[in-house]
Amino acid sequence: MHCPECGSARIITDRHFDIFCQNCGTIVEETVML
C-alpha cells in the first residue's frame, strides 16, 4: 500500500485502526466505529 498524496510506502495502523502515512500524515483509510 502506498500513500495517495506523497507515494510513500511508510503506511502504519494506529491503535484506533486508522491507516495513515508516517511520511506526510495523510489518513489512507479511516475506521468508523458504529
PDB file of N, CA and C in Angstrom:
ATOM      1  N   MET A   1       0.847  -1.178   0.000  1.00  0.00           N
ATOM      2  CA  MET A   1       0.000   0.000   0.000  1.00  0.00           C
ATOM      3  C   MET A   1       0.892   1.242   0.000  1.00  0.00           C
ATOM      4  N   HIS A   2       0.497   2.226  -0.786  1.00  0.00           N
ATOM      5  CA  HIS A   2       1.244   3.474  -0.866  1.00  0.00           C
ATOM      6  C   HIS A   2       0.315   4.653  -0.599  1.00  0.00           C
ATOM      7  N   CYS A   3       0.878   5.716  -0.080  1.00  0.00           N
ATOM      8  CA  CYS A   3       0.117   6.930   0.204  1.00  0.00           C
ATOM      9  C   CYS A   3      -0.325   7.589  -1.103  1.00  0.00           C
ATOM     10  N   PRO A   4      -1.610   7.962  -1.200  1.00  0.00           N
ATOM     11  CA  PRO A   4      -2.091   8.620  -2.415  1.00  0.00           C
ATOM     12  C   PRO A   4      -1.562  10.049  -2.576  1.00  0.00           C
ATOM     13  N   GLU A   5      -1.096  10.658  -1.484  1.00  0.00           N
ATOM     14  CA  GLU A   5      -0.593  12.035  -1.537  1.00  0.00           C
ATOM     15  C   GLU A   5       0.885  12.109  -1.903  1.00  0.00           C
ATOM     16  N   CYS A   6       1.725  11.364  -1.156  1.00  0.00           N
ATOM     17  CA  CYS A   6       3.174  11.503  -1.364  1.00  0.00           C
ATOM     18  C   CYS A   6       3.828  10.268  -1.984  1.00  0.00           C
ATOM     19  N   GLY A   7       3.087   9.152  -2.076  1.00  0.00           N
ATOM     20  CA  GLY A   7       3.621   7.947  -2.690  1.00  0.00           C
ATOM     21  C   GLY A   7       4.479   7.085  -1.774  1.00  0.00           C
ATOM     22  N   SER A   8       4.610   7.485  -0.513  1.00  0.00           N
ATOM     23  CA  SER A   8       5.428   6.741   0.435  1.00  0.00           C
ATOM     24  C   SER A   8       4.806   5.386   0.759  1.00  0.00           C
ATOM     25  N   ALA A   9       5.659   4.409   1.048  1.00  0.00           N
ATOM     26  CA  ALA A   9       5.189   3.090   1.464  1.00  0.00           C
ATOM     27  C   ALA A   9       5.179   2.980   2.988  1.00  0.00           C
ATOM     28  N   ARG A  10       5.472   4.070   3.694  1.00  0.00           N
ATOM     29  CA  ARG A  10       5.517   4.072   5.161  1.00  0.00           C
ATOM     30  C   ARG A  10       4.102   4.232   5.725  1.00  0.00           C
ATOM     31  N   ILE A  11       3.294   3.201   5.540  1.00  0.00           N
ATOM     32  CA  ILE A  11       1.899   3.210   5.966  1.00  0.00           C
ATOM     33  C   ILE A  11       1.788   2.405   7.256  1.00  0.00           C
ATOM     34  N   ILE A  12       1.167   2.991   8.284  1.00  0.00           N
ATOM     35  CA  ILE A  12       1.002   2.291   9.553  1.00  0.00           C
ATOM     36  C   ILE A  12      -0.448   2.373  10.023  1.00  0.00           C
ATOM     37  N   THR A  13      -0.787   1.484  10.948  1.00  0.00           N
ATOM     38  CA  THR A  13      -2.118   1.464  11.553  1.00  0.00           C
ATOM     39  C   THR A  13      -1.977   1.881  13.008  1.00  0.00           C
ATOM     40  N   ASP A  14      -2.781   2.863  13.433  1.00  0.00           N
ATOM     41  CA  ASP A  14      -2.711   3.303  14.822  1.00  0.00           C
ATOM     42  C   ASP A  14      -3.621   2.455  15.707  1.00  0.00           C
ATOM     43  N   ARG A  15      -3.684   2.786  16.989  1.00  0.00           N
ATOM     44  CA  ARG A  15      -4.459   1.974  17.936  1.00  0.00           C
ATOM     45  C   ARG A  15      -5.959   2.050  17.710  1.00  0.00           C
ATOM     46  N   HIS A  16      -6.416   3.016  16.908  1.00  0.00           N
ATOM     47  CA  HIS A  16      -7.831   3.129  16.567  1.00  0.00           C
ATOM     48  C   HIS A  16      -8.126   2.458  15.220  1.00  0.00           C
ATOM     49  N   PHE A  17      -7.123   1.775  14.669  1.00  0.00           N
ATOM     50  CA  PHE A  17      -7.212   1.065  13.392  1.00  0.00           C
ATOM     51  C   PHE A  17      -7.382   1.996  12.196  1.00  0.00           C
ATOM     52  N   ASP A  18      -6.963   3.264  12.357  1.00  0.00           N
ATOM     53  CA  ASP A  18      -6.899   4.170  11.218  1.00  0.00           C
ATOM     54  C   ASP A  18      -5.562   3.919  10.531  1.00  0.00           C
ATOM     55  N   ILE A  19      -5.572   3.875   9.212  1.00  0.00           N
ATOM     56  CA  ILE A  19      -4.358   3.623   8.441  1.00  0.00           C
ATOM     57  C   ILE A  19      -3.890   4.956   7.875  1.00  0.00           C
ATOM     58  N   PHE A  20      -2.644   5.324   8.199  1.00  0.00           N
ATOM     59  CA  PHE A  20      -2.150   6.607   7.728  1.00  0.00           C
ATOM     60  C   PHE A  20      -0.679   6.557   7.346  1.00  0.00           C
ATOM     61  N   CYS A  21      -0.261   7.583   6.629  1.00  0.00           N
ATOM     62  CA  CYS A  21       1.115   7.690   6.142  1.00  0.00           C
ATOM     63  C   CYS A  21       2.005   8.298   7.218  1.00  0.00           C
ATOM     64  N   GLN A  22       3.080   7.612   7.547  1.00  0.00           N
ATOM     65  CA  GLN A  22       4.043   8.126   8.519  1.00  0.00           C
ATOM     66  C   GLN A  22       4.839   9.283   7.936  1.00  0.00           C
ATOM     67  N   ASN A  23       4.932   9.340   6.638  1.00  0.00           N
ATOM     68  CA  ASN A  23       5.739  10.359   5.981  1.00  0.00           C
ATOM     69  C   ASN A  23       5.051  11.722   5.985  1.00  0.00           C
ATOM     70  N   CYS A  24       3.785  11.784   5.545  1.00  0.00           N
ATOM     71  CA  CYS A  24       3.112  13.085   5.425  1.00  0.00           C
ATOM     72  C   CYS A  24       1.888  13.233   6.325  1.00  0.00           C
ATOM     73  N   GLY A  25       1.436  12.134   6.957  1.00  0.00           N
ATOM     74  CA  GLY A  25       0.314  12.205   7.881  1.00  0.00           C
ATOM     75  C   GLY A  25      -1.063  12.041   7.265  1.00  0.00           C
ATOM     76  N   THR A  26      -1.127  11.816   5.963  1.00  0.00           N
ATOM     77  CA  THR A  26      -2.412  11.634   5.296  1.00  0.00           C
ATOM     78  C   THR A  26      -3.091  10.358   5.786  1.00  0.00           C
ATOM     79  N   ILE A  27      -4.377  10.452   6.127  1.00  0.00           N
ATOM     80  CA  ILE A  27      -5.142   9.265   6.504  1.00  0.00           C
ATOM     81  C   ILE A  27      -5.526   8.539   5.221  1.00  0.00           C
ATOM     82  N   VAL A  28      -5.046   7.300   5.097  1.00  0.00           N
ATOM     83  CA  VAL A  28      -5.290   6.498   3.900  1.00  0.00           C
ATOM     84  C   VAL A  28      -6.634   5.782   4.014  1.00  0.00           C
ATOM     85  N   GLU A  29      -6.934   5.277   5.208  1.00  0.00           N
ATOM     86  CA  GLU A  29      -8.216   4.603   5.436  1.00  0.00           C
ATOM     87  C   GLU A  29      -8.620   4.829   6.882  1.00  0.00           C
ATOM     88  N   GLU A  30      -9.864   5.211   7.080  1.00  0.00           N
ATOM     89  CA  GLU A  30     -10.363   5.524   8.413  1.00  0.00           C
ATOM     90  C   GLU A  30     -11.426   4.507   8.809  1.00  0.00           C
ATOM     91  N   THR A  31     -11.289   3.966  10.007  1.00  0.00           N
ATOM     92  CA  THR A  31     -12.269   3.015  10.512  1.00  0.00           C
ATOM     93  C   THR A  31     -13.348   3.776  11.263  1.00  0.00           C
ATOM     94  N   VAL A  32     -14.599   3.511  10.915  1.00  0.00           N
ATOM     95  CA  VAL A  32     -15.728   4.165  11.572  1.00  0.00           C
ATOM     96  C   VAL A  32     -16.332   3.186  12.565  1.00  0.00           C
ATOM     97  N   MET A  33     -16.359   3.580  13.828  1.00  0.00           N
ATOM     98  CA  MET A  33     -16.947   2.744  14.868  1.00  0.00           C
ATOM     99  C   MET A  33     -18.429   3.069  14.982  1.00  0.00           C
ATOM    100  N   LEU A  34     -19.262   2.054  14.898  1.00  0.00           N
ATOM    101  CA  LEU A  34     -20.709   2.263  14.994  1.00  0.00           C
ATOM    102  C   LEU A  34     -21.201   2.000  16.393  1.00  0.00           C
TER     103      LEU A  34
END
